[in-house]
Amino acid sequence: MSTLPERIAAALRRERERAGLSASELARRSGVSKATVSQLETGRANPSVETLWALATAMGIPFAALVDEGSAAPRLVRADAATAVAAADAPYAAALLSASPPHVRRDIYLISAEPGAPRASRPHGAGTTEHVVLIAGRARVGPEDAPYELGPGDYLSYPGDAPHVFEALTPGTRAVLVSELR
């Protein structure tokens, strides 16, 4: 099993080459510096959620393509052992629980968030829908201009291809997020 930086390095290089992009062109399209792209491809950087989303969007691939372990064997992820990628501008982390296999186009994440700055997400690919089930705490989730307040057990689906937000309102807020692309 490889470490998260090793998986990201190999996946980023593979996907960039598949897309026929130079590191410079990927940097330009994503708004991520060329130095950061280079550091990520060599496993010497610890990227934020925002950086990985920007790179994935620029290459037209799902976020999961950059972090998935890619195993077909049964996979158990204990709640306290999930490898998460932290946001740069909010107390928010996303751990990929299940990447979408080819032609299925859905990813499952475990979200951990704390009160503070909201996690504002730029639009994902056209046709993306996000589904959130709040497990613990309280959060304001959904479209950036009209989020909903959720409590434990509440479910919300909303367009992921429009600006959206996740803001923890209480400490220890956790949710399951399913991102699907139609």
C-alpha atoms as a PDB file:
ATOM      1  CA  MET A   1       0.000   0.000   0.000  1.00  0.00           C
ATOM      2  CA  SER A   2       1.427   3.395  -0.974  1.00  0.00           C
ATOM      3  CA  THR A   3       1.221   6.618   1.012  1.00  0.00           C
ATOM      4  CA  LEU A   4      -1.179   9.369  -0.030  1.00  0.00           C
ATOM      5  CA  PRO A   5       1.608  11.632  -1.425  1.00  0.00           C
ATOM      6  CA  GLU A   6       2.960   8.662  -3.433  1.00  0.00           C
ATOM      7  CA  ARG A   7      -0.508   7.876  -4.849  1.00  0.00           C
ATOM      8  CA  ILE A   8      -1.081  11.528  -5.731  1.00  0.00           C
ATOM      9  CA  ALA A   9       2.368  11.791  -7.395  1.00  0.00           C
ATOM     10  CA  ALA A  10       1.833   8.722  -9.584  1.00  0.00           C
ATOM     11  CA  ALA A  11      -1.777   9.590 -10.438  1.00  0.00           C
ATOM     12  CA  LEU A  12      -1.052  13.230 -11.238  1.00  0.00           C
ATOM     13  CA  ARG A  13       1.807  12.347 -13.564  1.00  0.00           C
ATOM     14  CA  ARG A  14      -0.257   9.564 -15.217  1.00  0.00           C
ATOM     15  CA  GLU A  15      -3.358  11.728 -15.704  1.00  0.00           C
ATOM     16  CA  ARG A  16      -1.394  14.773 -16.891  1.00  0.00           C
ATOM     17  CA  GLU A  17       0.379  12.645 -19.507  1.00  0.00           C
ATOM     18  CA  ARG A  18      -2.925  11.007 -20.568  1.00  0.00           C
ATOM     19  CA  ALA A  19      -4.357  14.495 -21.061  1.00  0.00           C
ATOM     20  CA  GLY A  20      -1.317  15.406 -23.173  1.00  0.00           C
ATOM     21  CA  LEU A  21      -0.463  18.369 -20.946  1.00  0.00           C
ATOM     22  CA  SER A  22       2.910  19.713 -19.933  1.00  0.00           C
ATOM     23  CA  ALA A  23       3.369  20.646 -16.280  1.00  0.00           C
ATOM     24  CA  SER A  24       3.367  24.298 -17.389  1.00  0.00           C
ATOM     25  CA  GLU A  25       0.063  23.957 -19.243  1.00  0.00           C
ATOM     26  CA  LEU A  26      -1.557  22.102 -16.331  1.00  0.00           C
ATOM     27  CA  ALA A  27      -0.365  24.863 -13.997  1.00  0.00           C
ATOM     28  CA  ARG A  28      -1.820  27.538 -16.277  1.00  0.00           C
ATOM     29  CA  ARG A  29      -5.192  25.775 -16.666  1.00  0.00           C
ATOM     30  CA  SER A  30      -5.566  24.956 -12.981  1.00  0.00           C
ATOM     31  CA  GLY A  31      -4.199  28.145 -11.442  1.00  0.00           C
ATOM     32  CA  VAL A  32      -1.744  26.023  -9.425  1.00  0.00           C
ATOM     33  CA  SER A  33       1.910  27.064  -9.648  1.00  0.00           C
ATOM     34  CA  LYS A  34       4.249  25.020 -11.840  1.00  0.00           C
ATOM     35  CA  ALA A  35       6.504  24.516  -8.794  1.00  0.00           C
ATOM     36  CA  THR A  36       3.590  22.991  -6.858  1.00  0.00           C
ATOM     37  CA  VAL A  37       2.693  20.696  -9.780  1.00  0.00           C
ATOM     38  CA  SER A  38       6.339  19.558  -9.899  1.00  0.00           C
ATOM     39  CA  GLN A  39       6.488  18.996  -6.120  1.00  0.00           C
ATOM     40  CA  LEU A  40       3.251  17.008  -6.218  1.00  0.00           C
ATOM     41  CA  GLU A  41       4.494  14.826  -9.072  1.00  0.00           C
ATOM     42  CA  THR A  42       7.596  13.948  -7.059  1.00  0.00           C
ATOM     43  CA  GLY A  43       5.651  13.301  -3.835  1.00  0.00           C
ATOM     44  CA  ARG A  44       7.276  16.228  -2.016  1.00  0.00           C
ATOM     45  CA  ALA A  45       4.119  18.247  -1.354  1.00  0.00           C
ATOM     46  CA  ASN A  46       1.027  17.809   0.784  1.00  0.00           C
ATOM     47  CA  PRO A  47      -1.771  19.354  -1.305  1.00  0.00           C
ATOM     48  CA  SER A  48      -5.007  20.864  -0.075  1.00  0.00           C
ATOM     49  CA  VAL A  49      -8.449  19.765  -1.238  1.00  0.00           C
ATOM     50  CA  GLU A  50      -8.635  22.983  -3.273  1.00  0.00           C
ATOM     51  CA  THR A  51      -5.378  22.234  -5.099  1.00  0.00           C
ATOM     52  CA  LEU A  52      -6.416  18.682  -5.993  1.00  0.00           C
ATOM     53  CA  TRP A  53      -9.869  19.828  -7.189  1.00  0.00           C
ATOM     54  CA  ALA A  54      -8.280  22.532  -9.349  1.00  0.00           C
ATOM     55  CA  LEU A  55      -5.883  20.036 -10.935  1.00  0.00           C
ATOM     56  CA  ALA A  56      -8.590  17.401 -11.465  1.00  0.00           C
ATOM     57  CA  THR A  57     -10.971  19.956 -12.988  1.00  0.00           C
ATOM     58  CA  ALA A  58      -8.241  21.262 -15.310  1.00  0.00           C
ATOM     59  CA  MET A  59      -7.642  17.709 -16.576  1.00  0.00           C
ATOM     60  CA  GLY A  60     -11.359  16.830 -16.757  1.00  0.00           C
ATOM     61  CA  ILE A  61     -11.054  13.943 -14.295  1.00  0.00           C
ATOM     62  CA  PRO A  62     -12.746  13.205 -10.965  1.00  0.00           C
ATOM     63  CA  PHE A  63     -10.959  14.207  -7.745  1.00  0.00           C
ATOM     64  CA  ALA A  64     -10.852  10.515  -6.813  1.00  0.00           C
ATOM     65  CA  ALA A  65      -8.538   9.735  -9.746  1.00  0.00           C
ATOM     66  CA  LEU A  66      -5.776  11.553  -7.845  1.00  0.00           C
ATOM     67  CA  VAL A  67      -6.169   9.857  -4.446  1.00  0.00           C
ATOM     68  CA  ASP A  68      -7.749   6.416  -4.917  1.00  0.00           C
ATOM     69  CA  GLU A  69      -5.820   3.288  -3.897  1.00  0.00           C
ATOM     70  CA  GLY A  70      -7.397   1.330  -6.769  1.00  0.00           C
ATOM     71  CA  SER A  71      -7.916  -2.090  -5.155  1.00  0.00           C
ATOM     72  CA  ALA A  72     -10.747  -4.504  -5.996  1.00  0.00           C
ATOM     73  CA  ALA A  73     -10.367  -6.484  -2.738  1.00  0.00           C
ATOM     74  CA  PRO A  74     -12.753  -5.900   0.175  1.00  0.00           C
ATOM     75  CA  ARG A  75     -11.780  -2.647   1.839  1.00  0.00           C
ATOM     76  CA  LEU A  76     -12.528  -1.710   5.427  1.00  0.00           C
ATOM     77  CA  VAL A  77     -11.834   1.868   6.469  1.00  0.00           C
ATOM     78  CA  ARG A  78     -12.076   2.428  10.209  1.00  0.00           C
ATOM     79  CA  ALA A  79     -13.470   5.868  11.090  1.00  0.00           C
ATOM     80  CA  ASP A  80     -10.303   6.920  12.911  1.00  0.00           C
ATOM     81  CA  ALA A  81      -7.942   5.586  10.214  1.00  0.00           C
ATOM     82  CA  ALA A  82      -9.261   7.219   7.032  1.00  0.00           C
ATOM     83  CA  THR A  83      -6.565   9.140   5.138  1.00  0.00           C
ATOM     84  CA  ALA A  84      -7.933  12.634   4.598  1.00  0.00           C
ATOM     85  CA  VAL A  85      -6.903  15.623   2.525  1.00  0.00           C
ATOM     86  CA  ALA A  86      -7.332  18.903   4.396  1.00  0.00           C
ATOM     87  CA  ALA A  87      -8.714  22.119   2.947  1.00  0.00           C
ATOM     88  CA  ALA A  88      -6.398  25.113   2.856  1.00  0.00           C
ATOM     89  CA  ASP A  89      -8.951  27.741   3.825  1.00  0.00           C
ATOM     90  CA  ALA A  90     -11.412  25.979   6.139  1.00  0.00           C
ATOM     91  CA  PRO A  91     -11.340  23.450   9.005  1.00  0.00           C
ATOM     92  CA  TYR A  92     -12.502  20.694   6.641  1.00  0.00           C
ATOM     93  CA  ALA A  93     -11.009  17.392   5.473  1.00  0.00           C
ATOM     94  CA  ALA A  94     -12.236  14.827   2.947  1.00  0.00           C
ATOM     95  CA  ALA A  95     -11.271  11.145   3.027  1.00  0.00           C
ATOM     96  CA  LEU A  96     -12.096   9.169  -0.106  1.00  0.00           C
ATOM     97  CA  LEU A  97     -13.898   6.022   1.012  1.00  0.00           C
ATOM     98  CA  SER A  98     -14.743   4.606  -2.412  1.00  0.00           C
ATOM     99  CA  ALA A  99     -13.753   5.832  -5.843  1.00  0.00           C
ATOM    100  CA  SER A 100     -16.015   5.324  -8.776  1.00  0.00           C
ATOM    101  CA  PRO A 101     -15.044   2.366 -10.939  1.00  0.00           C
ATOM    102  CA  PRO A 102     -14.898   3.015 -14.697  1.00  0.00           C
ATOM    103  CA  HIS A 103     -18.314   3.898 -16.148  1.00  0.00           C
ATOM    104  CA  VAL A 104     -20.015   4.143 -12.718  1.00  0.00           C
ATOM    105  CA  ARG A 105     -19.059   7.759 -11.933  1.00  0.00           C
ATOM    106  CA  ARG A 106     -19.631   8.128  -8.204  1.00  0.00           C
ATOM    107  CA  ASP A 107     -17.250   8.692  -5.308  1.00  0.00           C
ATOM    108  CA  ILE A 108     -17.911   8.405  -1.566  1.00  0.00           C
ATOM    109  CA  TYR A 109     -16.160  10.609   1.005  1.00  0.00           C
ATOM    110  CA  LEU A 110     -16.110  10.884   4.780  1.00  0.00           C
ATOM    111  CA  ILE A 111     -16.100  14.574   5.734  1.00  0.00           C
ATOM    112  CA  SER A 112     -14.727  15.900   9.025  1.00  0.00           C
ATOM    113  CA  ALA A 113     -15.208  19.591   9.716  1.00  0.00           C
ATOM    114  CA  GLU A 114     -14.923  22.067  12.565  1.00  0.00           C
ATOM    115  CA  PRO A 115     -16.540  25.480  13.056  1.00  0.00           C
ATOM    116  CA  GLY A 116     -14.686  28.277  11.303  1.00  0.00           C
ATOM    117  CA  ALA A 117     -14.461  29.388   7.721  1.00  0.00           C
ATOM    118  CA  PRO A 118     -16.921  27.566   5.459  1.00  0.00           C
ATOM    119  CA  ARG A 119     -15.524  25.208   2.798  1.00  0.00           C
ATOM    120  CA  ALA A 120     -16.572  26.932  -0.421  1.00  0.00           C
ATOM    121  CA  SER A 121     -16.377  24.683  -3.492  1.00  0.00           C
ATOM    122  CA  ARG A 122     -16.166  25.828  -7.058  1.00  0.00           C
ATOM    123  CA  PRO A 123     -18.445  24.028  -9.521  1.00  0.00           C
ATOM    124  CA  HIS A 124     -17.411  20.478 -10.423  1.00  0.00           C
ATOM    125  CA  GLY A 125     -18.044  18.917 -13.840  1.00  0.00           C
ATOM    126  CA  ALA A 126     -21.381  19.516 -15.582  1.00  0.00           C
ATOM    127  CA  GLY A 127     -24.035  17.094 -14.343  1.00  0.00           C
ATOM    128  CA  THR A 128     -22.448  16.511 -10.920  1.00  0.00           C
ATOM    129  CA  THR A 129     -24.855  15.986  -8.023  1.00  0.00           C
ATOM    130  CA  GLU A 130     -23.689  15.780  -4.425  1.00  0.00           C
ATOM    131  CA  HIS A 131     -25.518  13.816  -1.725  1.00  0.00           C
ATOM    132  CA  VAL A 132     -24.767  14.474   1.950  1.00  0.00           C
ATOM    133  CA  VAL A 133     -25.880  12.537   5.026  1.00  0.00           C
ATOM    134  CA  LEU A 134     -24.857  14.302   8.224  1.00  0.00           C
ATOM    135  CA  ILE A 135     -23.585  11.802  10.786  1.00  0.00           C
ATOM    136  CA  ALA A 136     -22.721  14.064  13.722  1.00  0.00           C
ATOM    137  CA  GLY A 137     -22.877  17.728  14.637  1.00  0.00           C
ATOM    138  CA  ARG A 138     -24.654  20.470  12.697  1.00  0.00           C
ATOM    139  CA  ALA A 139     -23.706  22.003   9.373  1.00  0.00           C
ATOM    140  CA  ARG A 140     -24.830  24.479   6.742  1.00  0.00           C
ATOM    141  CA  VAL A 141     -24.583  22.649   3.397  1.00  0.00           C
ATOM    142  CA  GLY A 142     -25.617  23.057  -0.228  1.00  0.00           C
ATOM    143  CA  PRO A 143     -25.870  25.798  -2.811  1.00  0.00           C
ATOM    144  CA  GLU A 144     -23.621  28.718  -1.910  1.00  0.00           C
ATOM    145  CA  ASP A 145     -26.479  31.226  -2.125  1.00  0.00           C
ATOM    146  CA  ALA A 146     -29.010  29.136  -0.158  1.00  0.00           C
ATOM    147  CA  PRO A 147     -27.441  26.417   2.038  1.00  0.00           C
ATOM    148  CA  TYR A 148     -29.520  24.243   4.356  1.00  0.00           C
ATOM    149  CA  GLU A 149     -28.867  23.599   8.029  1.00  0.00           C
ATOM    150  CA  LEU A 150     -28.517  19.859   8.650  1.00  0.00           C
ATOM    151  CA  GLY A 151     -28.533  17.789  11.828  1.00  0.00           C
ATOM    152  CA  PRO A 152     -27.569  14.149  12.424  1.00  0.00           C
ATOM    153  CA  GLY A 153     -29.370  11.815  10.019  1.00  0.00           C
ATOM    154  CA  ASP A 154     -30.465  14.597   7.638  1.00  0.00           C
ATOM    155  CA  TYR A 155     -29.936  13.971   3.915  1.00  0.00           C
ATOM    156  CA  LEU A 156     -29.514  16.631   1.219  1.00  0.00           C
ATOM    157  CA  SER A 157     -28.795  16.431  -2.495  1.00  0.00           C
ATOM    158  CA  TYR A 158     -27.826  19.485  -4.528  1.00  0.00           C
ATOM    159  CA  PRO A 159     -26.124  20.421  -7.804  1.00  0.00           C
ATOM    160  CA  GLY A 160     -22.365  19.997  -7.475  1.00  0.00           C
ATOM    161  CA  ASP A 161     -21.853  21.782 -10.790  1.00  0.00           C
ATOM    162  CA  ALA A 162     -22.728  25.120  -9.161  1.00  0.00           C
ATOM    163  CA  PRO A 163     -20.884  26.892  -6.318  1.00  0.00           C
ATOM    164  CA  HIS A 164     -21.632  25.122  -3.020  1.00  0.00           C
ATOM    165  CA  VAL A 165     -20.582  25.209   0.609  1.00  0.00           C
ATOM    166  CA  PHE A 166     -20.047  23.022   3.690  1.00  0.00           C
ATOM    167  CA  GLU A 167     -19.833  24.876   7.001  1.00  0.00           C
ATOM    168  CA  ALA A 168     -19.604  23.071  10.337  1.00  0.00           C
ATOM    169  CA  LEU A 169     -21.673  24.758  13.025  1.00  0.00           C
ATOM    170  CA  THR A 170     -20.610  22.527  15.924  1.00  0.00           C
ATOM    171  CA  PRO A 171     -17.324  20.799  16.824  1.00  0.00           C
ATOM    172  CA  GLY A 172     -16.890  17.228  15.591  1.00  0.00           C
ATOM    173  CA  THR A 173     -19.157  17.588  12.574  1.00  0.00           C
ATOM    174  CA  ARG A 174     -18.980  14.534  10.285  1.00  0.00           C
ATOM    175  CA  ALA A 175     -20.815  13.604   7.120  1.00  0.00           C
ATOM    176  CA  VAL A 176     -20.825  11.124   4.272  1.00  0.00           C
ATOM    177  CA  LEU A 177     -20.720  12.806   0.867  1.00  0.00           C
ATOM    178  CA  VAL A 178     -21.465  10.982  -2.379  1.00  0.00           C
ATOM    179  CA  SER A 179     -20.465  12.807  -5.553  1.00  0.00           C
ATOM    180  CA  GLU A 180     -22.084  11.461  -8.705  1.00  0.00           C
ATOM    181  CA  LEU A 181     -21.683  12.500 -12.300  1.00  0.00           C
ATOM    182  CA  ARG A 182     -24.422  11.733 -14.794  1.00  0.00           C
END
